[in-house]
Amino acid sequence: RLIRLLLRFPQHGVAALVTDVPGPKRRLSFAGR
């Protein structure tokens, strides 16, 4: 119930989401492609 209340809060302080994920270092393939 607290999460639902917070999600309905009309926040104005944050402008965007930015997430940085380190991905594979090796070359990948699928079914030989």
PDB file of all heavy atoms in Angstrom:
ATOM      1  N   ARG A   1       0.826  -1.213   0.000  1.00  0.00           N
ATOM      2  CA  ARG A   1       0.000   0.000   0.000  1.00  0.00           C
ATOM      3  C   ARG A   1       0.861   1.264   0.000  1.00  0.00           C
ATOM      4  O   ARG A   1       0.513   2.265  -0.636  1.00  0.00           O
ATOM      5  CB  ARG A   1      -0.941  -0.019   1.193  1.00  0.00           C
ATOM      6  CG  ARG A   1      -2.132  -0.956   0.974  1.00  0.00           C
ATOM      7  CD  ARG A   1      -2.765  -1.436   2.267  1.00  0.00           C
ATOM      8  NE  ARG A   1      -3.896  -2.332   2.010  1.00  0.00           N
ATOM      9  CZ  ARG A   1      -3.786  -3.587   1.608  1.00  0.00           C
ATOM     10  NH1 ARG A   1      -2.594  -4.100   1.372  1.00  0.00           N
ATOM     11  NH2 ARG A   1      -4.854  -4.339   1.424  1.00  0.00           N
ATOM     12  N   LEU A   2       1.998   1.214   0.705  1.00  0.00           N
ATOM     13  CA  LEU A   2       2.899   2.358   0.709  1.00  0.00           C
ATOM     14  C   LEU A   2       3.496   2.567  -0.685  1.00  0.00           C
ATOM     15  O   LEU A   2       3.596   3.711  -1.159  1.00  0.00           O
ATOM     16  CB  LEU A   2       4.019   2.134   1.731  1.00  0.00           C
ATOM     17  CG  LEU A   2       5.094   3.227   1.795  1.00  0.00           C
ATOM     18  CD1 LEU A   2       4.473   4.575   2.145  1.00  0.00           C
ATOM     19  CD2 LEU A   2       6.187   2.853   2.798  1.00  0.00           C
ATOM     20  N   ILE A   3       3.869   1.481  -1.361  1.00  0.00           N
ATOM     21  CA  ILE A   3       4.421   1.593  -2.713  1.00  0.00           C
ATOM     22  C   ILE A   3       3.400   2.215  -3.649  1.00  0.00           C
ATOM     23  O   ILE A   3       3.731   3.100  -4.457  1.00  0.00           O
ATOM     24  CB  ILE A   3       4.865   0.204  -3.229  1.00  0.00           C
ATOM     25  CG1 ILE A   3       6.094  -0.283  -2.457  1.00  0.00           C
ATOM     26  CG2 ILE A   3       5.175   0.253  -4.724  1.00  0.00           C
ATOM     27  CD1 ILE A   3       6.502  -1.702  -2.787  1.00  0.00           C
ATOM     28  N   ARG A   4       2.153   1.776  -3.567  1.00  0.00           N
ATOM     29  CA  ARG A   4       1.114   2.336  -4.432  1.00  0.00           C
ATOM     30  C   ARG A   4       0.936   3.829  -4.174  1.00  0.00           C
ATOM     31  O   ARG A   4       0.747   4.613  -5.107  1.00  0.00           O
ATOM     32  CB  ARG A   4      -0.207   1.597  -4.188  1.00  0.00           C
ATOM     33  CG  ARG A   4      -0.205   0.165  -4.690  1.00  0.00           C
ATOM     34  CD  ARG A   4      -1.501  -0.534  -4.362  1.00  0.00           C
ATOM     35  NE  ARG A   4      -1.425  -1.959  -4.686  1.00  0.00           N
ATOM     36  CZ  ARG A   4      -2.376  -2.834  -4.423  1.00  0.00           C
ATOM     37  NH1 ARG A   4      -3.496  -2.437  -3.828  1.00  0.00           N
ATOM     38  NH2 ARG A   4      -2.233  -4.109  -4.740  1.00  0.00           N
ATOM     39  N   LEU A   5       0.989   4.212  -2.895  1.00  0.00           N
ATOM     40  CA  LEU A   5       0.850   5.627  -2.552  1.00  0.00           C
ATOM     41  C   LEU A   5       2.002   6.440  -3.136  1.00  0.00           C
ATOM     42  O   LEU A   5       1.796   7.508  -3.724  1.00  0.00           O
ATOM     43  CB  LEU A   5       0.799   5.781  -1.035  1.00  0.00           C
ATOM     44  CG  LEU A   5       0.697   7.219  -0.498  1.00  0.00           C
ATOM     45  CD1 LEU A   5      -0.616   7.866  -0.952  1.00  0.00           C
ATOM     46  CD2 LEU A   5       0.787   7.232   1.029  1.00  0.00           C
ATOM     47  N   LEU A   6       3.226   5.923  -3.000  1.00  0.00           N
ATOM     48  CA  LEU A   6       4.396   6.640  -3.516  1.00  0.00           C
ATOM     49  C   LEU A   6       4.367   6.742  -5.036  1.00  0.00           C
ATOM     50  O   LEU A   6       4.768   7.760  -5.605  1.00  0.00           O
ATOM     51  CB  LEU A   6       5.669   5.929  -3.062  1.00  0.00           C
ATOM     52  CG  LEU A   6       5.967   5.958  -1.555  1.00  0.00           C
ATOM     53  CD1 LEU A   6       7.191   5.105  -1.245  1.00  0.00           C
ATOM     54  CD2 LEU A   6       6.171   7.382  -1.068  1.00  0.00           C
ATOM     55  N   LEU A   7       3.878   5.686  -5.706  1.00  0.00           N
ATOM     56  CA  LEU A   7       3.820   5.704  -7.162  1.00  0.00           C
ATOM     57  C   LEU A   7       2.808   6.717  -7.684  1.00  0.00           C
ATOM     58  O   LEU A   7       2.918   7.187  -8.821  1.00  0.00           O
ATOM     59  CB  LEU A   7       3.483   4.307  -7.695  1.00  0.00           C
ATOM     60  CG  LEU A   7       4.578   3.242  -7.516  1.00  0.00           C
ATOM     61  CD1 LEU A   7       4.077   1.883  -7.964  1.00  0.00           C
ATOM     62  CD2 LEU A   7       5.835   3.622  -8.285  1.00  0.00           C
ATOM     63  N   ARG A   8       1.819   7.038  -6.871  1.00  0.00           N
ATOM     64  CA  ARG A   8       0.825   8.046  -7.282  1.00  0.00           C
ATOM     65  C   ARG A   8       1.283   9.469  -6.983  1.00  0.00           C
ATOM     66  O   ARG A   8       0.650  10.425  -7.395  1.00  0.00           O
ATOM     67  CB  ARG A   8      -0.509   7.773  -6.586  1.00  0.00           C
ATOM     68  CG  ARG A   8      -1.222   6.522  -7.110  1.00  0.00           C
ATOM     69  CD  ARG A   8      -2.632   6.414  -6.533  1.00  0.00           C
ATOM     70  NE  ARG A   8      -3.375   5.330  -7.152  1.00  0.00           N
ATOM     71  CZ  ARG A   8      -3.425   4.082  -6.688  1.00  0.00           C
ATOM     72  NH1 ARG A   8      -2.768   3.777  -5.579  1.00  0.00           N
ATOM     73  NH2 ARG A   8      -4.127   3.153  -7.311  1.00  0.00           N
ATOM     74  N   PHE A   9       2.409   9.582  -6.264  1.00  0.00           N
ATOM     75  CA  PHE A   9       2.931  10.905  -5.914  1.00  0.00           C
ATOM     76  C   PHE A   9       3.467  11.581  -7.174  1.00  0.00           C
ATOM     77  O   PHE A   9       4.343  11.042  -7.851  1.00  0.00           O
ATOM     78  CB  PHE A   9       4.053  10.768  -4.882  1.00  0.00           C
ATOM     79  CG  PHE A   9       4.707  12.071  -4.532  1.00  0.00           C
ATOM     80  CD1 PHE A   9       4.062  12.995  -3.738  1.00  0.00           C
ATOM     81  CD2 PHE A   9       5.984  12.376  -4.996  1.00  0.00           C
ATOM     82  CE1 PHE A   9       4.662  14.196  -3.408  1.00  0.00           C
ATOM     83  CE2 PHE A   9       6.597  13.565  -4.681  1.00  0.00           C
ATOM     84  CZ  PHE A   9       5.927  14.482  -3.877  1.00  0.00           C
ATOM     85  N   PRO A  10       2.960  12.767  -7.527  1.00  0.00           N
ATOM     86  CA  PRO A  10       3.394  13.436  -8.769  1.00  0.00           C
ATOM     87  C   PRO A  10       4.751  14.118  -8.606  1.00  0.00           C
ATOM     88  O   PRO A  10       4.840  15.331  -8.442  1.00  0.00           O
ATOM     89  CB  PRO A  10       2.273  14.454  -9.022  1.00  0.00           C
ATOM     90  CG  PRO A  10       1.769  14.783  -7.657  1.00  0.00           C
ATOM     91  CD  PRO A  10       1.905  13.537  -6.826  1.00  0.00           C
ATOM     92  N   GLN A  11       5.817  13.314  -8.650  1.00  0.00           N
ATOM     93  CA  GLN A  11       7.151  13.870  -8.424  1.00  0.00           C
ATOM     94  C   GLN A  11       7.527  14.818  -9.562  1.00  0.00           C
ATOM     95  O   GLN A  11       7.210  14.587 -10.728  1.00  0.00           O
ATOM     96  CB  GLN A  11       8.164  12.737  -8.260  1.00  0.00           C
ATOM     97  CG  GLN A  11       8.471  11.925  -9.509  1.00  0.00           C
ATOM     98  CD  GLN A  11       9.502  12.567 -10.428  1.00  0.00           C
ATOM     99  OE1 GLN A  11      10.301  13.401 -10.005  1.00  0.00           O
ATOM    100  NE2 GLN A  11       9.481  12.201 -11.691  1.00  0.00           N
ATOM    101  N   HIS A  12       8.245  15.875  -9.201  1.00  0.00           N
ATOM    102  CA  HIS A  12       8.704  16.866 -10.174  1.00  0.00           C
ATOM    103  C   HIS A  12      10.223  17.028 -10.159  1.00  0.00           C
ATOM    104  O   HIS A  12      10.774  17.754 -10.974  1.00  0.00           O
ATOM    105  CB  HIS A  12       8.073  18.234  -9.887  1.00  0.00           C
ATOM    106  CG  HIS A  12       6.589  18.261 -10.066  1.00  0.00           C
ATOM    107  ND1 HIS A  12       5.978  18.680 -11.225  1.00  0.00           N
ATOM    108  CD2 HIS A  12       5.582  17.915  -9.218  1.00  0.00           C
ATOM    109  CE1 HIS A  12       4.652  18.587 -11.099  1.00  0.00           C
ATOM    110  NE2 HIS A  12       4.389  18.133  -9.887  1.00  0.00           N
ATOM    111  N   GLY A  13      10.906  16.355  -9.209  1.00  0.00           N
ATOM    112  CA  GLY A  13      12.325  16.608  -9.008  1.00  0.00           C
ATOM    113  C   GLY A  13      13.248  15.846  -9.928  1.00  0.00           C
ATOM    114  O   GLY A  13      14.418  16.218 -10.073  1.00  0.00           O
ATOM    115  N   VAL A  14      12.767  14.759 -10.563  1.00  0.00           N
ATOM    116  CA  VAL A  14      13.625  13.927 -11.405  1.00  0.00           C
ATOM    117  C   VAL A  14      13.180  14.063 -12.854  1.00  0.00           C
ATOM    118  O   VAL A  14      11.984  13.999 -13.160  1.00  0.00           O
ATOM    119  CB  VAL A  14      13.580  12.449 -10.971  1.00  0.00           C
ATOM    120  CG1 VAL A  14      14.552  11.617 -11.799  1.00  0.00           C
ATOM    121  CG2 VAL A  14      13.907  12.317  -9.485  1.00  0.00           C
ATOM    122  N   ALA A  15      14.140  14.235 -13.757  1.00  0.00           N
ATOM    123  CA  ALA A  15      13.818  14.520 -15.154  1.00  0.00           C
ATOM    124  C   ALA A  15      13.965  13.320 -16.075  1.00  0.00           C
ATOM    125  O   ALA A  15      13.317  13.272 -17.121  1.00  0.00           O
ATOM    126  CB  ALA A  15      14.701  15.661 -15.668  1.00  0.00           C
ATOM    127  N   ALA A  16      14.813  12.356 -15.727  1.00  0.00           N
ATOM    128  CA  ALA A  16      15.057  11.238 -16.638  1.00  0.00           C
ATOM    129  C   ALA A  16      15.670  10.078 -15.874  1.00  0.00           C
ATOM    130  O   ALA A  16      16.191  10.233 -14.762  1.00  0.00           O
ATOM    131  CB  ALA A  16      15.974  11.656 -17.785  1.00  0.00           C
ATOM    132  N   LEU A  17      15.616   8.914 -16.490  1.00  0.00           N
ATOM    133  CA  LEU A  17      16.264   7.709 -15.973  1.00  0.00           C
ATOM    134  C   LEU A  17      17.491   7.412 -16.825  1.00  0.00           C
ATOM    135  O   LEU A  17      17.415   7.447 -18.063  1.00  0.00           O
ATOM    136  CB  LEU A  17      15.291   6.525 -16.040  1.00  0.00           C
ATOM    137  CG  LEU A  17      15.872   5.125 -15.840  1.00  0.00           C
ATOM    138  CD1 LEU A  17      16.281   4.920 -14.383  1.00  0.00           C
ATOM    139  CD2 LEU A  17      14.860   4.054 -16.248  1.00  0.00           C
ATOM    140  N   VAL A  18      18.627   7.132 -16.178  1.00  0.00           N
ATOM    141  CA  VAL A  18      19.857   6.776 -16.893  1.00  0.00           C
ATOM    142  C   VAL A  18      20.463   5.559 -16.210  1.00  0.00           C
ATOM    143  O   VAL A  18      20.811   5.609 -15.034  1.00  0.00           O
ATOM    144  CB  VAL A  18      20.889   7.922 -16.891  1.00  0.00           C
ATOM    145  CG1 VAL A  18      22.143   7.497 -17.646  1.00  0.00           C
ATOM    146  CG2 VAL A  18      20.302   9.186 -17.513  1.00  0.00           C
ATOM    147  N   THR A  19      20.587   4.463 -16.936  1.00  0.00           N
ATOM    148  CA  THR A  19      21.187   3.258 -16.365  1.00  0.00           C
ATOM    149  C   THR A  19      22.332   2.779 -17.253  1.00  0.00           C
ATOM    150  O   THR A  19      22.221   2.774 -18.475  1.00  0.00           O
ATOM    151  CB  THR A  19      20.130   2.143 -16.200  1.00  0.00           C
ATOM    152  OG1 THR A  19      20.732   0.985 -15.623  1.00  0.00           O
ATOM    153  CG2 THR A  19      19.494   1.762 -17.526  1.00  0.00           C
ATOM    154  N   ASP A  20      23.432   2.406 -16.624  1.00  0.00           N
ATOM    155  CA  ASP A  20      24.651   1.997 -17.324  1.00  0.00           C
ATOM    156  C   ASP A  20      24.906   0.524 -17.024  1.00  0.00           C
ATOM    157  O   ASP A  20      25.077   0.136 -15.861  1.00  0.00           O
ATOM    158  CB  ASP A  20      25.823   2.860 -16.838  1.00  0.00           C
ATOM    159  CG  ASP A  20      27.131   2.517 -17.531  1.00  0.00           C
ATOM    160  OD1 ASP A  20      27.112   1.712 -18.473  1.00  0.00           O
ATOM    161  OD2 ASP A  20      28.175   3.056 -17.118  1.00  0.00           O
ATOM    162  N   VAL A  21      24.932  -0.306 -18.067  1.00  0.00           N
ATOM    163  CA  VAL A  21      25.082  -1.755 -17.891  1.00  0.00           C
ATOM    164  C   VAL A  21      26.296  -2.239 -18.684  1.00  0.00           C
ATOM    165  O   VAL A  21      26.337  -2.089 -19.907  1.00  0.00           O
ATOM    166  CB  VAL A  21      23.818  -2.516 -18.376  1.00  0.00           C
ATOM    167  CG1 VAL A  21      24.012  -4.017 -18.204  1.00  0.00           C
ATOM    168  CG2 VAL A  21      22.583  -2.035 -17.630  1.00  0.00           C
ATOM    169  N   PRO A  22      27.292  -2.833 -18.011  1.00  0.00           N
ATOM    170  CA  PRO A  22      28.406  -3.431 -18.749  1.00  0.00           C
ATOM    171  C   PRO A  22      27.953  -4.705 -19.446  1.00  0.00           C
ATOM    172  O   PRO A  22      27.414  -5.609 -18.816  1.00  0.00           O
ATOM    173  CB  PRO A  22      29.446  -3.729 -17.660  1.00  0.00           C
ATOM    174  CG  PRO A  22      28.660  -3.826 -16.388  1.00  0.00           C
ATOM    175  CD  PRO A  22      27.478  -2.916 -16.551  1.00  0.00           C
ATOM    176  N   GLY A  23      28.140  -4.756 -20.752  1.00  0.00           N
ATOM    177  CA  GLY A  23      27.658  -5.888 -21.529  1.00  0.00           C
ATOM    178  C   GLY A  23      28.748  -6.877 -21.876  1.00  0.00           C
ATOM    179  O   GLY A  23      29.856  -6.832 -21.323  1.00  0.00           O
ATOM    180  N   PRO A  24      28.475  -7.785 -22.791  1.00  0.00           N
ATOM    181  CA  PRO A  24      29.431  -8.850 -23.145  1.00  0.00           C
ATOM    182  C   PRO A  24      30.713  -8.282 -23.751  1.00  0.00           C
ATOM    183  O   PRO A  24      30.681  -7.377 -24.573  1.00  0.00           O
ATOM    184  CB  PRO A  24      28.663  -9.685 -24.171  1.00  0.00           C
ATOM    185  CG  PRO A  24      27.224  -9.332 -23.974  1.00  0.00           C
ATOM    186  CD  PRO A  24      27.197  -7.920 -23.531  1.00  0.00           C
ATOM    187  N   LYS A  25      31.831  -8.860 -23.358  1.00  0.00           N
ATOM    188  CA  LYS A  25      33.117  -8.474 -23.923  1.00  0.00           C
ATOM    189  C   LYS A  25      33.491  -9.355 -25.108  1.00  0.00           C
ATOM    190  O   LYS A  25      34.353  -8.985 -25.903  1.00  0.00           O
ATOM    191  CB  LYS A  25      34.203  -8.554 -22.856  1.00  0.00           C
ATOM    192  CG  LYS A  25      33.995  -7.585 -21.700  1.00  0.00           C
ATOM    193  CD  LYS A  25      35.101  -7.719 -20.662  1.00  0.00           C
ATOM    194  CE  LYS A  25      34.882  -6.750 -19.506  1.00  0.00           C
ATOM    195  NZ  LYS A  25      35.947  -6.887 -18.469  1.00  0.00           N
ATOM    196  N   ARG A  26      32.878 -10.536 -25.197  1.00  0.00           N
ATOM    197  CA  ARG A  26      33.193 -11.452 -26.292  1.00  0.00           C
ATOM    198  C   ARG A  26      32.156 -11.314 -27.409  1.00  0.00           C
ATOM    199  O   ARG A  26      31.035 -10.868 -27.177  1.00  0.00           O
ATOM    200  CB  ARG A  26      33.208 -12.897 -25.784  1.00  0.00           C
ATOM    201  CG  ARG A  26      31.845 -13.388 -25.292  1.00  0.00           C
ATOM    202  CD  ARG A  26      31.928 -14.788 -24.710  1.00  0.00           C
ATOM    203  NE  ARG A  26      30.629 -15.261 -24.239  1.00  0.00           N
ATOM    204  CZ  ARG A  26      29.786 -15.976 -24.966  1.00  0.00           C
ATOM    205  NH1 ARG A  26      30.103 -16.286 -26.222  1.00  0.00           N
ATOM    206  NH2 ARG A  26      28.632 -16.385 -24.476  1.00  0.00           N
ATOM    207  N   ARG A  27      32.540 -11.712 -28.604  1.00  0.00           N
ATOM    208  CA  ARG A  27      31.633 -11.677 -29.742  1.00  0.00           C
ATOM    209  C   ARG A  27      30.575 -12.764 -29.573  1.00  0.00           C
ATOM    210  O   ARG A  27      30.891 -13.900 -29.264  1.00  0.00           O
ATOM    211  CB  ARG A  27      32.411 -11.887 -31.036  1.00  0.00           C
ATOM    212  CG  ARG A  27      31.566 -11.914 -32.288  1.00  0.00           C
ATOM    213  CD  ARG A  27      30.922 -10.563 -32.574  1.00  0.00           C
ATOM    214  NE  ARG A  27      31.887  -9.528 -32.914  1.00  0.00           N
ATOM    215  CZ  ARG A  27      31.551  -8.284 -33.224  1.00  0.00           C
ATOM    216  NH1 ARG A  27      30.283  -7.922 -33.214  1.00  0.00           N
ATOM    217  NH2 ARG A  27      32.470  -7.390 -33.519  1.00  0.00           N
ATOM    218  N   LEU A  28      29.307 -12.404 -29.761  1.00  0.00           N
ATOM    219  CA  LEU A  28      28.196 -13.332 -29.595  1.00  0.00           C
ATOM    220  C   LEU A  28      27.636 -13.747 -30.948  1.00  0.00           C
ATOM    221  O   LEU A  28      27.788 -13.041 -31.945  1.00  0.00           O
ATOM    222  CB  LEU A  28      27.081 -12.689 -28.762  1.00  0.00           C
ATOM    223  CG  LEU A  28      27.432 -12.226 -27.350  1.00  0.00           C
ATOM    224  CD1 LEU A  28      26.224 -11.560 -26.697  1.00  0.00           C
ATOM    225  CD2 LEU A  28      27.926 -13.384 -26.491  1.00  0.00           C
ATOM    226  N   SER A  29      26.964 -14.891 -30.942  1.00  0.00           N
ATOM    227  CA  SER A  29      26.256 -15.335 -32.139  1.00  0.00           C
ATOM    228  C   SER A  29      25.023 -16.117 -31.713  1.00  0.00           C
ATOM    229  O   SER A  29      24.941 -16.617 -30.584  1.00  0.00           O
ATOM    230  CB  SER A  29      27.162 -16.210 -33.020  1.00  0.00           C
ATOM    231  OG  SER A  29      27.540 -17.392 -32.327  1.00  0.00           O
ATOM    232  N   PHE A  30      24.066 -16.204 -32.619  1.00  0.00           N
ATOM    233  CA  PHE A  30      22.870 -17.005 -32.381  1.00  0.00           C
ATOM    234  C   PHE A  30      22.633 -17.875 -33.606  1.00  0.00           C
ATOM    235  O   PHE A  30      22.511 -17.357 -34.723  1.00  0.00           O
ATOM    236  CB  PHE A  30      21.645 -16.113 -32.123  1.00  0.00           C
ATOM    237  CG  PHE A  30      20.383 -16.895 -31.904  1.00  0.00           C
ATOM    238  CD1 PHE A  30      20.047 -17.348 -30.633  1.00  0.00           C
ATOM    239  CD2 PHE A  30      19.539 -17.217 -32.961  1.00  0.00           C
ATOM    240  CE1 PHE A  30      18.902 -18.092 -30.431  1.00  0.00           C
ATOM    241  CE2 PHE A  30      18.392 -17.959 -32.777  1.00  0.00           C
ATOM    242  CZ  PHE A  30      18.067 -18.399 -31.497  1.00  0.00           C
ATOM    243  N   ALA A  31      22.589 -19.180 -33.389  1.00  0.00           N
ATOM    244  CA  ALA A  31      22.407 -20.138 -34.481  1.00  0.00           C
ATOM    245  C   ALA A  31      23.403 -19.876 -35.604  1.00  0.00           C
ATOM    246  O   ALA A  31      23.075 -19.960 -36.787  1.00  0.00           O
ATOM    247  CB  ALA A  31      20.972 -20.081 -35.004  1.00  0.00           C
ATOM    248  N   GLY A  32      24.619 -19.517 -35.211  1.00  0.00           N
ATOM    249  CA  GLY A  32      25.682 -19.276 -36.181  1.00  0.00           C
ATOM    250  C   GLY A  32      25.664 -17.901 -36.801  1.00  0.00           C
ATOM    251  O   GLY A  32      26.566 -17.562 -37.577  1.00  0.00           O
ATOM    252  N   ARG A  33      24.661 -17.062 -36.471  1.00  0.00           N
ATOM    253  CA  ARG A  33      24.601 -15.695 -37.015  1.00  0.00           C
ATOM    254  C   ARG A  33      25.285 -14.742 -36.036  1.00  0.00           C
ATOM    255  O   ARG A  33      24.961 -14.714 -34.850  1.00  0.00           O
ATOM    256  CB  ARG A  33      23.164 -15.240 -37.229  1.00  0.00           C
ATOM    257  CG  ARG A  33      22.497 -15.798 -38.473  1.00  0.00           C
ATOM    258  CD  ARG A  33      21.984 -17.196 -38.287  1.00  0.00           C
ATOM    259  NE  ARG A  33      21.092 -17.616 -39.384  1.00  0.00           N
ATOM    260  CZ  ARG A  33      20.642 -18.849 -39.521  1.00  0.00           C
ATOM    261  NH1 ARG A  33      20.978 -19.800 -38.642  1.00  0.00           N
ATOM    262  NH2 ARG A  33      19.840 -19.153 -40.535  1.00  0.00           N
TER     263      ARG A  33
END
